[in-house]
Amino acid sequence: MRQVTGNMTSVVRGMDKAMESMNLERISIVMDKFESQFTDLDVQTSYMEDAMGATTAISTPQDQIDILMRQTAEEANIELQHDLAAKDVTSLPDVAPTERLKDEDDKLADRLRALRPAI
């Protein structure tokens, strides 16, 4: 931050001198320098914001995350299951029975045959 303040001070001084002489070339040089310094500041600020965000996410205690997840699940009226990998997949209900899928496939195949031109 001190470097930015120093750079801004030098830009302002340079701009004052350029404005006194009304030298357009010098004004353009000072403005280009200002723009490059401002871009550098923007990049540095973005990097710091990302780093601070990552640090905050990493430093959040797991118990607080668990409490927040539990509260959110209660508000949404859903059951929270942390250990998804340990659950028995065979006990899950069959969403689409194979017989129903076969019927749908047959209907779609019939529709496709009807749309194709006769050869």
PDB file of N, CA and C in Angstrom:
ATOM      1  N   MET A   1       0.824  -1.195   0.000  1.00  0.00           N
ATOM      2  CA  MET A   1       0.000   0.000   0.000  1.00  0.00           C
ATOM      3  C   MET A   1       0.869   1.260   0.000  1.00  0.00           C
ATOM      4  N   ARG A   2       1.975   1.198   0.706  1.00  0.00           N
ATOM      5  CA  ARG A   2       2.878   2.352   0.730  1.00  0.00           C
ATOM      6  C   ARG A   2       3.437   2.630  -0.659  1.00  0.00           C
ATOM      7  N   GLN A   3       3.697   1.524  -1.396  1.00  0.00           N
ATOM      8  CA  GLN A   3       4.219   1.673  -2.756  1.00  0.00           C
ATOM      9  C   GLN A   3       3.180   2.353  -3.644  1.00  0.00           C
ATOM     10  N   VAL A   4       1.935   1.990  -3.470  1.00  0.00           N
ATOM     11  CA  VAL A   4       0.860   2.601  -4.268  1.00  0.00           C
ATOM     12  C   VAL A   4       0.759   4.085  -3.952  1.00  0.00           C
ATOM     13  N   THR A   5       0.826   4.420  -2.665  1.00  0.00           N
ATOM     14  CA  THR A   5       0.754   5.826  -2.271  1.00  0.00           C
ATOM     15  C   THR A   5       1.911   6.605  -2.872  1.00  0.00           C
ATOM     16  N   GLY A   6       3.105   6.035  -2.814  1.00  0.00           N
ATOM     17  CA  GLY A   6       4.266   6.699  -3.408  1.00  0.00           C
ATOM     18  C   GLY A   6       4.116   6.868  -4.907  1.00  0.00           C
ATOM     19  N   ASN A   7       3.613   5.839  -5.572  1.00  0.00           N
ATOM     20  CA  ASN A   7       3.412   5.927  -7.022  1.00  0.00           C
ATOM     21  C   ASN A   7       2.366   6.983  -7.368  1.00  0.00           C
ATOM     22  N   MET A   8       1.303   7.024  -6.599  1.00  0.00           N
ATOM     23  CA  MET A   8       0.262   8.018  -6.867  1.00  0.00           C
ATOM     24  C   MET A   8       0.790   9.440  -6.643  1.00  0.00           C
ATOM     25  N   THR A   9       1.634   9.595  -5.627  1.00  0.00           N
ATOM     26  CA  THR A   9       2.224  10.909  -5.369  1.00  0.00           C
ATOM     27  C   THR A   9       3.074  11.349  -6.551  1.00  0.00           C
ATOM     28  N   SER A  10       3.883  10.434  -7.075  1.00  0.00           N
ATOM     29  CA  SER A  10       4.740  10.812  -8.205  1.00  0.00           C
ATOM     30  C   SER A  10       3.905  11.104  -9.452  1.00  0.00           C
ATOM     31  N   VAL A  11       2.815  10.392  -9.634  1.00  0.00           N
ATOM     32  CA  VAL A  11       1.946  10.654 -10.788  1.00  0.00           C
ATOM     33  C   VAL A  11       1.307  12.034 -10.665  1.00  0.00           C
ATOM     34  N   VAL A  12       0.854  12.364  -9.472  1.00  0.00           N
ATOM     35  CA  VAL A  12       0.215  13.672  -9.268  1.00  0.00           C
ATOM     36  C   VAL A  12       1.224  14.797  -9.502  1.00  0.00           C
ATOM     37  N   ARG A  13       2.432  14.617  -8.993  1.00  0.00           N
ATOM     38  CA  ARG A  13       3.466  15.643  -9.216  1.00  0.00           C
ATOM     39  C   ARG A  13       3.788  15.778 -10.699  1.00  0.00           C
ATOM     40  N   GLY A  14       3.927  14.638 -11.373  1.00  0.00           N
ATOM     41  CA  GLY A  14       4.207  14.657 -12.803  1.00  0.00           C
ATOM     42  C   GLY A  14       3.078  15.310 -13.583  1.00  0.00           C
ATOM     43  N   MET A  15       1.851  15.054 -13.154  1.00  0.00           N
ATOM     44  CA  MET A  15       0.696  15.651 -13.827  1.00  0.00           C
ATOM     45  C   MET A  15       0.675  17.161 -13.609  1.00  0.00           C
ATOM     46  N   ASP A  16       1.014  17.596 -12.403  1.00  0.00           N
ATOM     47  CA  ASP A  16       1.078  19.043 -12.128  1.00  0.00           C
ATOM     48  C   ASP A  16       2.087  19.716 -13.052  1.00  0.00           C
ATOM     49  N   LYS A  17       3.267  19.127 -13.172  1.00  0.00           N
ATOM     50  CA  LYS A  17       4.300  19.709 -14.031  1.00  0.00           C
ATOM     51  C   LYS A  17       3.858  19.719 -15.493  1.00  0.00           C
ATOM     52  N   ALA A  18       3.238  18.630 -15.918  1.00  0.00           N
ATOM     53  CA  ALA A  18       2.785  18.545 -17.314  1.00  0.00           C
ATOM     54  C   ALA A  18       1.680  19.555 -17.590  1.00  0.00           C
ATOM     55  N   MET A  19       0.799  19.756 -16.630  1.00  0.00           N
ATOM     56  CA  MET A  19      -0.297  20.704 -16.819  1.00  0.00           C
ATOM     57  C   MET A  19       0.218  22.152 -16.844  1.00  0.00           C
ATOM     58  N   GLU A  20       1.254  22.423 -16.046  1.00  0.00           N
ATOM     59  CA  GLU A  20       1.823  23.772 -16.038  1.00  0.00           C
ATOM     60  C   GLU A  20       2.411  24.119 -17.406  1.00  0.00           C
ATOM     61  N   SER A  21       3.072  23.147 -18.004  1.00  0.00           N
ATOM     62  CA  SER A  21       3.705  23.429 -19.289  1.00  0.00           C
ATOM     63  C   SER A  21       2.743  23.224 -20.463  1.00  0.00           C
ATOM     64  N   MET A  22       1.595  22.550 -20.199  1.00  0.00           N
ATOM     65  CA  MET A  22       0.598  22.235 -21.227  1.00  0.00           C
ATOM     66  C   MET A  22       1.222  21.464 -22.387  1.00  0.00           C
ATOM     67  N   ASN A  23       2.196  20.627 -22.052  1.00  0.00           N
ATOM     68  CA  ASN A  23       2.849  19.778 -23.036  1.00  0.00           C
ATOM     69  C   ASN A  23       2.006  18.500 -23.179  1.00  0.00           C
ATOM     70  N   LEU A  24       1.326  18.349 -24.301  1.00  0.00           N
ATOM     71  CA  LEU A  24       0.424  17.220 -24.498  1.00  0.00           C
ATOM     72  C   LEU A  24       1.151  15.878 -24.486  1.00  0.00           C
ATOM     73  N   GLU A  25       2.369  15.882 -25.004  1.00  0.00           N
ATOM     74  CA  GLU A  25       3.140  14.638 -25.017  1.00  0.00           C
ATOM     75  C   GLU A  25       3.455  14.199 -23.591  1.00  0.00           C
ATOM     76  N   ARG A  26       3.866  15.141 -22.765  1.00  0.00           N
ATOM     77  CA  ARG A  26       4.185  14.831 -21.355  1.00  0.00           C
ATOM     78  C   ARG A  26       2.932  14.413 -20.598  1.00  0.00           C
ATOM     79  N   ILE A  27       1.814  15.071 -20.864  1.00  0.00           N
ATOM     80  CA  ILE A  27       0.547  14.700 -20.215  1.00  0.00           C
ATOM     81  C   ILE A  27       0.181  13.267 -20.596  1.00  0.00           C
ATOM     82  N   SER A  28       0.354  12.931 -21.852  1.00  0.00           N
ATOM     83  CA  SER A  28       0.044  11.589 -22.323  1.00  0.00           C
ATOM     84  C   SER A  28       0.928  10.546 -21.642  1.00  0.00           C
ATOM     85  N   ILE A  29       2.207  10.854 -21.484  1.00  0.00           N
ATOM     86  CA  ILE A  29       3.134   9.928 -20.822  1.00  0.00           C
ATOM     87  C   ILE A  29       2.724   9.716 -19.371  1.00  0.00           C
ATOM     88  N   VAL A  30       2.398  10.793 -18.685  1.00  0.00           N
ATOM     89  CA  VAL A  30       1.999  10.700 -17.276  1.00  0.00           C
ATOM     90  C   VAL A  30       0.700   9.890 -17.144  1.00  0.00           C
ATOM     91  N   MET A  31      -0.249  10.143 -18.049  1.00  0.00           N
ATOM     92  CA  MET A  31      -1.512   9.419 -17.999  1.00  0.00           C
ATOM     93  C   MET A  31      -1.308   7.928 -18.286  1.00  0.00           C
ATOM     94  N   ASP A  32      -0.423   7.600 -19.210  1.00  0.00           N
ATOM     95  CA  ASP A  32      -0.113   6.193 -19.492  1.00  0.00           C
ATOM     96  C   ASP A  32       0.503   5.526 -18.271  1.00  0.00           C
ATOM     97  N   LYS A  33       1.409   6.254 -17.603  1.00  0.00           N
ATOM     98  CA  LYS A  33       2.026   5.718 -16.391  1.00  0.00           C
ATOM     99  C   LYS A  33       0.966   5.490 -15.322  1.00  0.00           C
ATOM    100  N   PHE A  34       0.059   6.442 -15.180  1.00  0.00           N
ATOM    101  CA  PHE A  34      -1.023   6.314 -14.211  1.00  0.00           C
ATOM    102  C   PHE A  34      -1.886   5.093 -14.534  1.00  0.00           C
ATOM    103  N   GLU A  35      -2.218   4.923 -15.795  1.00  0.00           N
ATOM    104  CA  GLU A  35      -3.056   3.797 -16.199  1.00  0.00           C
ATOM    105  C   GLU A  35      -2.372   2.464 -15.903  1.00  0.00           C
ATOM    106  N   SER A  36      -1.076   2.360 -16.190  1.00  0.00           N
ATOM    107  CA  SER A  36      -0.368   1.099 -15.930  1.00  0.00           C
ATOM    108  C   SER A  36      -0.291   0.824 -14.424  1.00  0.00           C
ATOM    109  N   GLN A  37      -0.065   1.874 -13.636  1.00  0.00           N
ATOM    110  CA  GLN A  37      -0.015   1.688 -12.191  1.00  0.00           C
ATOM    111  C   GLN A  37      -1.388   1.310 -11.640  1.00  0.00           C
ATOM    112  N   PHE A  38      -2.423   1.887 -12.196  1.00  0.00           N
ATOM    113  CA  PHE A  38      -3.771   1.575 -11.760  1.00  0.00           C
ATOM    114  C   PHE A  38      -4.116   0.123 -12.107  1.00  0.00           C
ATOM    115  N   THR A  39      -3.689  -0.336 -13.282  1.00  0.00           N
ATOM    116  CA  THR A  39      -3.906  -1.733 -13.679  1.00  0.00           C
ATOM    117  C   THR A  39      -3.159  -2.669 -12.744  1.00  0.00           C
ATOM    118  N   ASP A  40      -1.916  -2.330 -12.413  1.00  0.00           N
ATOM    119  CA  ASP A  40      -1.156  -3.149 -11.469  1.00  0.00           C
ATOM    120  C   ASP A  40      -1.856  -3.214 -10.116  1.00  0.00           C
ATOM    121  N   LEU A  41      -2.359  -2.082  -9.666  1.00  0.00           N
ATOM    122  CA  LEU A  41      -3.083  -2.035  -8.396  1.00  0.00           C
ATOM    123  C   LEU A  41      -4.321  -2.916  -8.458  1.00  0.00           C
ATOM    124  N   ASP A  42      -5.018  -2.882  -9.569  1.00  0.00           N
ATOM    125  CA  ASP A  42      -6.220  -3.694  -9.731  1.00  0.00           C
ATOM    126  C   ASP A  42      -5.888  -5.173  -9.655  1.00  0.00           C
ATOM    127  N   VAL A  43      -4.798  -5.577 -10.296  1.00  0.00           N
ATOM    128  CA  VAL A  43      -4.379  -6.983 -10.269  1.00  0.00           C
ATOM    129  C   VAL A  43      -3.993  -7.391  -8.848  1.00  0.00           C
ATOM    130  N   GLN A  44      -3.242  -6.540  -8.168  1.00  0.00           N
ATOM    131  CA  GLN A  44      -2.821  -6.848  -6.802  1.00  0.00           C
ATOM    132  C   GLN A  44      -4.029  -6.938  -5.867  1.00  0.00           C
ATOM    133  N   THR A  45      -4.974  -6.043  -6.030  1.00  0.00           N
ATOM    134  CA  THR A  45      -6.175  -6.051  -5.196  1.00  0.00           C
ATOM    135  C   THR A  45      -6.979  -7.317  -5.438  1.00  0.00           C
ATOM    136  N   SER A  46      -7.130  -7.698  -6.676  1.00  0.00           N
ATOM    137  CA  SER A  46      -7.861  -8.916  -7.022  1.00  0.00           C
ATOM    138  C   SER A  46      -7.196 -10.141  -6.410  1.00  0.00           C
ATOM    139  N   TYR A  47      -5.879 -10.198  -6.510  1.00  0.00           N
ATOM    140  CA  TYR A  47      -5.133 -11.324  -5.932  1.00  0.00           C
ATOM    141  C   TYR A  47      -5.335 -11.382  -4.420  1.00  0.00           C
ATOM    142  N   MET A  48      -5.251 -10.235  -3.772  1.00  0.00           N
ATOM    143  CA  MET A  48      -5.426 -10.205  -2.315  1.00  0.00           C
ATOM    144  C   MET A  48      -6.841 -10.613  -1.917  1.00  0.00           C
ATOM    145  N   GLU A  49      -7.844 -10.162  -2.654  1.00  0.00           N
ATOM    146  CA  GLU A  49      -9.223 -10.545  -2.354  1.00  0.00           C
ATOM    147  C   GLU A  49      -9.409 -12.046  -2.491  1.00  0.00           C
ATOM    148  N   ASP A  50      -8.838 -12.634  -3.545  1.00  0.00           N
ATOM    149  CA  ASP A  50      -8.932 -14.083  -3.749  1.00  0.00           C
ATOM    150  C   ASP A  50      -8.225 -14.835  -2.625  1.00  0.00           C
ATOM    151  N   ALA A  51      -7.044 -14.351  -2.246  1.00  0.00           N
ATOM    152  CA  ALA A  51      -6.284 -15.007  -1.182  1.00  0.00           C
ATOM    153  C   ALA A  51      -7.032 -14.915   0.146  1.00  0.00           C
ATOM    154  N   MET A  52      -7.611 -13.767   0.429  1.00  0.00           N
ATOM    155  CA  MET A  52      -8.360 -13.601   1.677  1.00  0.00           C
ATOM    156  C   MET A  52      -9.599 -14.477   1.672  1.00  0.00           C
ATOM    157  N   GLY A  53     -10.267 -14.582   0.539  1.00  0.00           N
ATOM    158  CA  GLY A  53     -11.441 -15.440   0.444  1.00  0.00           C
ATOM    159  C   GLY A  53     -11.091 -16.900   0.653  1.00  0.00           C
ATOM    160  N   ALA A  54      -9.988 -17.339   0.075  1.00  0.00           N
ATOM    161  CA  ALA A  54      -9.552 -18.724   0.242  1.00  0.00           C
ATOM    162  C   ALA A  54      -9.148 -18.993   1.688  1.00  0.00           C
ATOM    163  N   THR A  55      -8.483 -18.036   2.310  1.00  0.00           N
ATOM    164  CA  THR A  55      -8.068 -18.196   3.697  1.00  0.00           C
ATOM    165  C   THR A  55      -9.276 -18.297   4.609  1.00  0.00           C
ATOM    166  N   THR A  56     -10.279 -17.485   4.341  1.00  0.00           N
ATOM    167  CA  THR A  56     -11.491 -17.518   5.156  1.00  0.00           C
ATOM    168  C   THR A  56     -12.185 -18.859   5.006  1.00  0.00           C
ATOM    169  N   ALA A  57     -12.255 -19.374   3.794  1.00  0.00           N
ATOM    170  CA  ALA A  57     -12.904 -20.659   3.567  1.00  0.00           C
ATOM    171  C   ALA A  57     -12.142 -21.789   4.246  1.00  0.00           C
ATOM    172  N   ILE A  58     -10.824 -21.719   4.222  1.00  0.00           N
ATOM    173  CA  ILE A  58     -10.016 -22.778   4.824  1.00  0.00           C
ATOM    174  C   ILE A  58     -10.065 -22.708   6.340  1.00  0.00           C
ATOM    175  N   SER A  59     -10.140 -21.516   6.900  1.00  0.00           N
ATOM    176  CA  SER A  59     -10.056 -21.369   8.342  1.00  0.00           C
ATOM    177  C   SER A  59     -11.393 -21.539   9.056  1.00  0.00           C
ATOM    178  N   THR A  60     -12.478 -21.773   8.323  1.00  0.00           N
ATOM    179  CA  THR A  60     -13.773 -21.978   8.968  1.00  0.00           C
ATOM    180  C   THR A  60     -13.775 -23.353   9.628  1.00  0.00           C
ATOM    181  N   PRO A  61     -14.039 -23.409  10.933  1.00  0.00           N
ATOM    182  CA  PRO A  61     -14.026 -24.693  11.637  1.00  0.00           C
ATOM    183  C   PRO A  61     -15.116 -25.633  11.109  1.00  0.00           C
ATOM    184  N   GLN A  62     -14.817 -26.922  11.070  1.00  0.00           N
ATOM    185  CA  GLN A  62     -15.732 -27.924  10.536  1.00  0.00           C
ATOM    186  C   GLN A  62     -17.028 -27.972  11.339  1.00  0.00           C
ATOM    187  N   ASP A  63     -16.949 -27.787  12.661  1.00  0.00           N
ATOM    188  CA  ASP A  63     -18.174 -27.861  13.460  1.00  0.00           C
ATOM    189  C   ASP A  63     -19.148 -26.740  13.101  1.00  0.00           C
ATOM    190  N   GLN A  64     -18.627 -25.559  12.748  1.00  0.00           N
ATOM    191  CA  GLN A  64     -19.512 -24.475  12.324  1.00  0.00           C
ATOM    192  C   GLN A  64     -20.167 -24.797  10.985  1.00  0.00           C
ATOM    193  N   ILE A  65     -19.418 -25.439  10.106  1.00  0.00           N
ATOM    194  CA  ILE A  65     -19.973 -25.845   8.815  1.00  0.00           C
ATOM    195  C   ILE A  65     -21.079 -26.868   9.038  1.00  0.00           C
ATOM    196  N   ASP A  66     -20.822 -27.845   9.928  1.00  0.00           N
ATOM    197  CA  ASP A  66     -21.830 -28.870  10.209  1.00  0.00           C
ATOM    198  C   ASP A  66     -23.105 -28.266  10.797  1.00  0.00           C
ATOM    199  N   ILE A  67     -22.939 -27.310  11.709  1.00  0.00           N
ATOM    200  CA  ILE A  67     -24.100 -26.655  12.315  1.00  0.00           C
ATOM    201  C   ILE A  67     -24.904 -25.906  11.268  1.00  0.00           C
ATOM    202  N   LEU A  68     -24.215 -25.181  10.403  1.00  0.00           N
ATOM    203  CA  LEU A  68     -24.896 -24.436   9.342  1.00  0.00           C
ATOM    204  C   LEU A  68     -25.625 -25.376   8.380  1.00  0.00           C
ATOM    205  N   MET A  69     -24.990 -26.485   8.027  1.00  0.00           N
ATOM    206  CA  MET A  69     -25.639 -27.457   7.145  1.00  0.00           C
ATOM    207  C   MET A  69     -26.871 -28.060   7.809  1.00  0.00           C
ATOM    208  N   ARG A  70     -26.777 -28.363   9.097  1.00  0.00           N
ATOM    209  CA  ARG A  70     -27.910 -28.918   9.829  1.00  0.00           C
ATOM    210  C   ARG A  70     -29.059 -27.906   9.884  1.00  0.00           C
ATOM    211  N   GLN A  71     -28.748 -26.643  10.168  1.00  0.00           N
ATOM    212  CA  GLN A  71     -29.781 -25.605  10.215  1.00  0.00           C
ATOM    213  C   GLN A  71     -30.457 -25.442   8.859  1.00  0.00           C
ATOM    214  N   THR A  72     -29.651 -25.428   7.801  1.00  0.00           N
ATOM    215  CA  THR A  72     -30.201 -25.288   6.458  1.00  0.00           C
ATOM    216  C   THR A  72     -31.091 -26.473   6.105  1.00  0.00           C
ATOM    217  N   ALA A  73     -30.667 -27.675   6.484  1.00  0.00           N
ATOM    218  CA  ALA A  73     -31.472 -28.868   6.223  1.00  0.00           C
ATOM    219  C   ALA A  73     -32.786 -28.812   6.981  1.00  0.00           C
ATOM    220  N   GLU A  74     -32.747 -28.351   8.222  1.00  0.00           N
ATOM    221  CA  GLU A  74     -33.983 -28.231   9.008  1.00  0.00           C
ATOM    222  C   GLU A  74     -34.929 -27.208   8.399  1.00  0.00           C
ATOM    223  N   GLU A  75     -34.388 -26.084   7.951  1.00  0.00           N
ATOM    224  CA  GLU A  75     -35.222 -25.047   7.332  1.00  0.00           C
ATOM    225  C   GLU A  75     -35.854 -25.549   6.035  1.00  0.00           C
ATOM    226  N   ALA A  76     -35.111 -26.361   5.299  1.00  0.00           N
ATOM    227  CA  ALA A  76     -35.621 -26.886   4.029  1.00  0.00           C
ATOM    228  C   ALA A  76     -36.443 -28.162   4.243  1.00  0.00           C
ATOM    229  N   ASN A  77     -36.509 -28.614   5.497  1.00  0.00           N
ATOM    230  CA  ASN A  77     -37.271 -29.798   5.864  1.00  0.00           C
ATOM    231  C   ASN A  77     -36.772 -31.032   5.088  1.00  0.00           C
ATOM    232  N   ILE A  78     -35.463 -31.213   5.082  1.00  0.00           N
ATOM    233  CA  ILE A  78     -34.873 -32.382   4.431  1.00  0.00           C
ATOM    234  C   ILE A  78     -33.989 -33.115   5.427  1.00  0.00           C
ATOM    235  N   GLU A  79     -33.740 -34.398   5.133  1.00  0.00           N
ATOM    236  CA  GLU A  79     -32.890 -35.202   5.997  1.00  0.00           C
ATOM    237  C   GLU A  79     -31.449 -35.075   5.531  1.00  0.00           C
ATOM    238  N   LEU A  80     -30.559 -34.792   6.462  1.00  0.00           N
ATOM    239  CA  LEU A  80     -29.152 -34.587   6.129  1.00  0.00           C
ATOM    240  C   LEU A  80     -28.395 -35.892   6.324  1.00  0.00           C
ATOM    241  N   GLN A  81     -27.692 -36.322   5.287  1.00  0.00           N
ATOM    242  CA  GLN A  81     -26.897 -37.545   5.364  1.00  0.00           C
ATOM    243  C   GLN A  81     -25.464 -37.202   4.989  1.00  0.00           C
ATOM    244  N   HIS A  82     -24.568 -37.282   5.967  1.00  0.00           N
ATOM    245  CA  HIS A  82     -23.168 -36.948   5.713  1.00  0.00           C
ATOM    246  C   HIS A  82     -22.417 -38.085   5.055  1.00  0.00           C
ATOM    247  N   ASP A  83     -22.706 -39.297   5.453  1.00  0.00           N
ATOM    248  CA  ASP A  83     -21.903 -40.434   5.022  1.00  0.00           C
ATOM    249  C   ASP A  83     -22.512 -41.082   3.792  1.00  0.00           C
ATOM    250  N   LEU A  84     -22.494 -40.368   2.680  1.00  0.00           N
ATOM    251  CA  LEU A  84     -23.120 -40.865   1.465  1.00  0.00           C
ATOM    252  C   LEU A  84     -22.378 -42.074   0.897  1.00  0.00           C
ATOM    253  N   ALA A  85     -21.085 -42.115   1.044  1.00  0.00           N
ATOM    254  CA  ALA A  85     -20.300 -43.212   0.475  1.00  0.00           C
ATOM    255  C   ALA A  85     -20.580 -44.530   1.185  1.00  0.00           C
ATOM    256  N   ALA A  86     -20.955 -44.498   2.442  1.00  0.00           N
ATOM    257  CA  ALA A  86     -21.177 -45.714   3.208  1.00  0.00           C
ATOM    258  C   ALA A  86     -22.592 -46.266   3.034  1.00  0.00           C
ATOM    259  N   LYS A  87     -23.466 -45.554   2.382  1.00  0.00           N
ATOM    260  CA  LYS A  87     -24.847 -45.993   2.215  1.00  0.00           C
ATOM    261  C   LYS A  87     -24.917 -47.140   1.220  1.00  0.00           C
ATOM    262  N   ASP A  88     -25.867 -48.023   1.470  1.00  0.00           N
ATOM    263  CA  ASP A  88     -26.084 -49.166   0.593  1.00  0.00           C
ATOM    264  C   ASP A  88     -26.888 -48.709  -0.613  1.00  0.00           C
ATOM    265  N   VAL A  89     -26.288 -48.761  -1.777  1.00  0.00           N
ATOM    266  CA  VAL A  89     -26.930 -48.275  -2.995  1.00  0.00           C
ATOM    267  C   VAL A  89     -28.081 -49.182  -3.400  1.00  0.00           C
ATOM    268  N   THR A  90     -28.012 -50.462  -3.081  1.00  0.00           N
ATOM    269  CA  THR A  90     -29.074 -51.383  -3.473  1.00  0.00           C
ATOM    270  C   THR A  90     -30.370 -51.098  -2.726  1.00  0.00           C
ATOM    271  N   SER A  91     -30.291 -50.396  -1.595  1.00  0.00           N
ATOM    272  CA  SER A  91     -31.505 -50.105  -0.837  1.00  0.00           C
ATOM    273  C   SER A  91     -32.257 -48.891  -1.386  1.00  0.00           C
ATOM    274  N   LEU A  92     -31.666 -48.215  -2.359  1.00  0.00           N
ATOM    275  CA  LEU A  92     -32.330 -47.066  -2.949  1.00  0.00           C
ATOM    276  C   LEU A  92     -33.467 -47.532  -3.849  1.00  0.00           C
ATOM    277  N   PRO A  93     -34.579 -46.800  -3.876  1.00  0.00           N
ATOM    278  CA  PRO A  93     -35.697 -47.224  -4.716  1.00  0.00           C
ATOM    279  C   PRO A  93     -35.338 -47.104  -6.196  1.00  0.00           C
ATOM    280  N   ASP A  94     -35.920 -47.980  -6.991  1.00  0.00           N
ATOM    281  CA  ASP A  94     -35.709 -47.954  -8.430  1.00  0.00           C
ATOM    282  C   ASP A  94     -36.563 -46.836  -9.007  1.00  0.00           C
ATOM    283  N   VAL A  95     -35.917 -45.828  -9.566  1.00  0.00           N
ATOM    284  CA  VAL A  95     -36.631 -44.654 -10.055  1.00  0.00           C
ATOM    285  C   VAL A  95     -37.475 -44.990 -11.271  1.00  0.00           C
ATOM    286  N   ALA A  96     -36.928 -45.727 -12.201  1.00  0.00           N
ATOM    287  CA  ALA A  96     -37.656 -46.085 -13.417  1.00  0.00           C
ATOM    288  C   ALA A  96     -37.507 -47.584 -13.643  1.00  0.00           C
ATOM    289  N   PRO A  97     -38.554 -48.352 -13.401  1.00  0.00           N
ATOM    290  CA  PRO A  97     -38.463 -49.800 -13.614  1.00  0.00           C
ATOM    291  C   PRO A  97     -38.097 -50.105 -15.068  1.00  0.00           C
ATOM    292  N   THR A  98     -37.384 -51.191 -15.267  1.00  0.00           N
ATOM    293  CA  THR A  98     -36.891 -51.524 -16.601  1.00  0.00           C
ATOM    294  C   THR A  98     -38.026 -51.799 -17.572  1.00  0.00           C
ATOM    295  N   GLU A  99     -39.138 -52.345 -17.101  1.00  0.00           N
ATOM    296  CA  GLU A  99     -40.271 -52.620 -17.991  1.00  0.00           C
ATOM    297  C   GLU A  99     -40.839 -51.327 -18.562  1.00  0.00           C
ATOM    298  N   ARG A 100     -40.969 -50.315 -17.709  1.00  0.00           N
ATOM    299  CA  ARG A 100     -41.489 -49.028 -18.167  1.00  0.00           C
ATOM    300  C   ARG A 100     -40.534 -48.382 -19.174  1.00  0.00           C
ATOM    301  N   LEU A 101     -39.237 -48.520 -18.911  1.00  0.00           N
ATOM    302  CA  LEU A 101     -38.241 -47.969 -19.833  1.00  0.00           C
ATOM    303  C   LEU A 101     -38.294 -48.676 -21.182  1.00  0.00           C
ATOM    304  N   LYS A 102     -38.493 -49.986 -21.149  1.00  0.00           N
ATOM    305  CA  LYS A 102     -38.559 -50.742 -22.397  1.00  0.00           C
ATOM    306  C   LYS A 102     -39.768 -50.290 -23.221  1.00  0.00           C
ATOM    307  N   ASP A 103     -40.914 -50.071 -22.561  1.00  0.00           N
ATOM    308  CA  ASP A 103     -42.106 -49.596 -23.267  1.00  0.00           C
ATOM    309  C   ASP A 103     -41.857 -48.229 -23.898  1.00  0.00           C
ATOM    310  N   GLU A 104     -41.214 -47.338 -23.148  1.00  0.00           N
ATOM    311  CA  GLU A 104     -40.916 -46.003 -23.678  1.00  0.00           C
ATOM    312  C   GLU A 104     -39.961 -46.094 -24.869  1.00  0.00           C
ATOM    313  N   ASP A 105     -38.956 -46.967 -24.758  1.00  0.00           N
ATOM    314  CA  ASP A 105     -38.018 -47.159 -25.863  1.00  0.00           C
ATOM    315  C   ASP A 105     -38.727 -47.672 -27.109  1.00  0.00           C
ATOM    316  N   ASP A 106     -39.636 -48.618 -26.908  1.00  0.00           N
ATOM    317  CA  ASP A 106     -40.379 -49.166 -28.047  1.00  0.00           C
ATOM    318  C   ASP A 106     -41.230 -48.087 -28.718  1.00  0.00           C
ATOM    319  N   LYS A 107     -41.896 -47.253 -27.907  1.00  0.00           N
ATOM    320  CA  LYS A 107     -42.723 -46.174 -28.462  1.00  0.00           C
ATOM    321  C   LYS A 107     -41.865 -45.172 -29.247  1.00  0.00           C
ATOM    322  N   LEU A 108     -40.716 -44.842 -28.699  1.00  0.00           N
ATOM    323  CA  LEU A 108     -39.834 -43.902 -29.396  1.00  0.00           C
ATOM    324  C   LEU A 108     -39.302 -44.504 -30.700  1.00  0.00           C
ATOM    325  N   ALA A 109     -38.988 -45.797 -30.679  1.00  0.00           N
ATOM    326  CA  ALA A 109     -38.499 -46.461 -31.895  1.00  0.00           C
ATOM    327  C   ALA A 109     -39.592 -46.469 -32.965  1.00  0.00           C
ATOM    328  N   ASP A 110     -40.842 -46.713 -32.561  1.00  0.00           N
ATOM    329  CA  ASP A 110     -41.962 -46.685 -33.512  1.00  0.00           C
ATOM    330  C   ASP A 110     -42.128 -45.303 -34.123  1.00  0.00           C
ATOM    331  N   ARG A 111     -42.021 -44.273 -33.297  1.00  0.00           N
ATOM    332  CA  ARG A 111     -42.147 -42.899 -33.798  1.00  0.00           C
ATOM    333  C   ARG A 111     -41.025 -42.574 -34.781  1.00  0.00           C
ATOM    334  N   LEU A 112     -39.806 -43.046 -34.477  1.00  0.00           N
ATOM    335  CA  LEU A 112     -38.675 -42.791 -35.362  1.00  0.00           C
ATOM    336  C   LEU A 112     -38.872 -43.489 -36.707  1.00  0.00           C
ATOM    337  N   ARG A 113     -39.355 -44.736 -36.668  1.00  0.00           N
ATOM    338  CA  ARG A 113     -39.619 -45.460 -37.922  1.00  0.00           C
ATOM    339  C   ARG A 113     -40.668 -44.732 -38.754  1.00  0.00           C
ATOM    340  N   ALA A 114     -41.684 -44.166 -38.101  1.00  0.00           N
ATOM    341  CA  ALA A 114     -42.746 -43.465 -38.814  1.00  0.00           C
ATOM    342  C   ALA A 114     -42.221 -42.175 -39.446  1.00  0.00           C
ATOM    343  N   LEU A 115     -41.241 -41.560 -38.848  1.00  0.00           N
ATOM    344  CA  LEU A 115     -40.702 -40.302 -39.368  1.00  0.00           C
ATOM    345  C   LEU A 115     -39.722 -40.510 -40.521  1.00  0.00           C
ATOM    346  N   ARG A 116     -39.079 -41.668 -40.572  1.00  0.00           N
ATOM    347  CA  ARG A 116     -38.107 -41.939 -41.637  1.00  0.00           C
ATOM    348  C   ARG A 116     -38.845 -42.204 -42.954  1.00  0.00           C
ATOM    349  N   PRO A 117     -38.290 -41.722 -44.049  1.00  0.00           N
ATOM    350  CA  PRO A 117     -38.934 -41.996 -45.342  1.00  0.00           C
ATOM    351  C   PRO A 117     -38.747 -43.463 -45.726  1.00  0.00           C
ATOM    352  N   ALA A 118     -39.736 -43.998 -46.406  1.00  0.00           N
ATOM    353  CA  ALA A 118     -39.664 -45.402 -46.844  1.00  0.00           C
ATOM    354  C   ALA A 118     -38.583 -45.536 -47.907  1.00  0.00           C
ATOM    355  N   ILE A 119     -37.776 -46.547 -47.791  1.00  0.00           N
ATOM    356  CA  ILE A 119     -36.667 -46.730 -48.742  1.00  0.00           C
ATOM    357  C   ILE A 119     -37.008 -47.821 -49.724  1.00  0.00           C
TER     358      ILE A 119
END
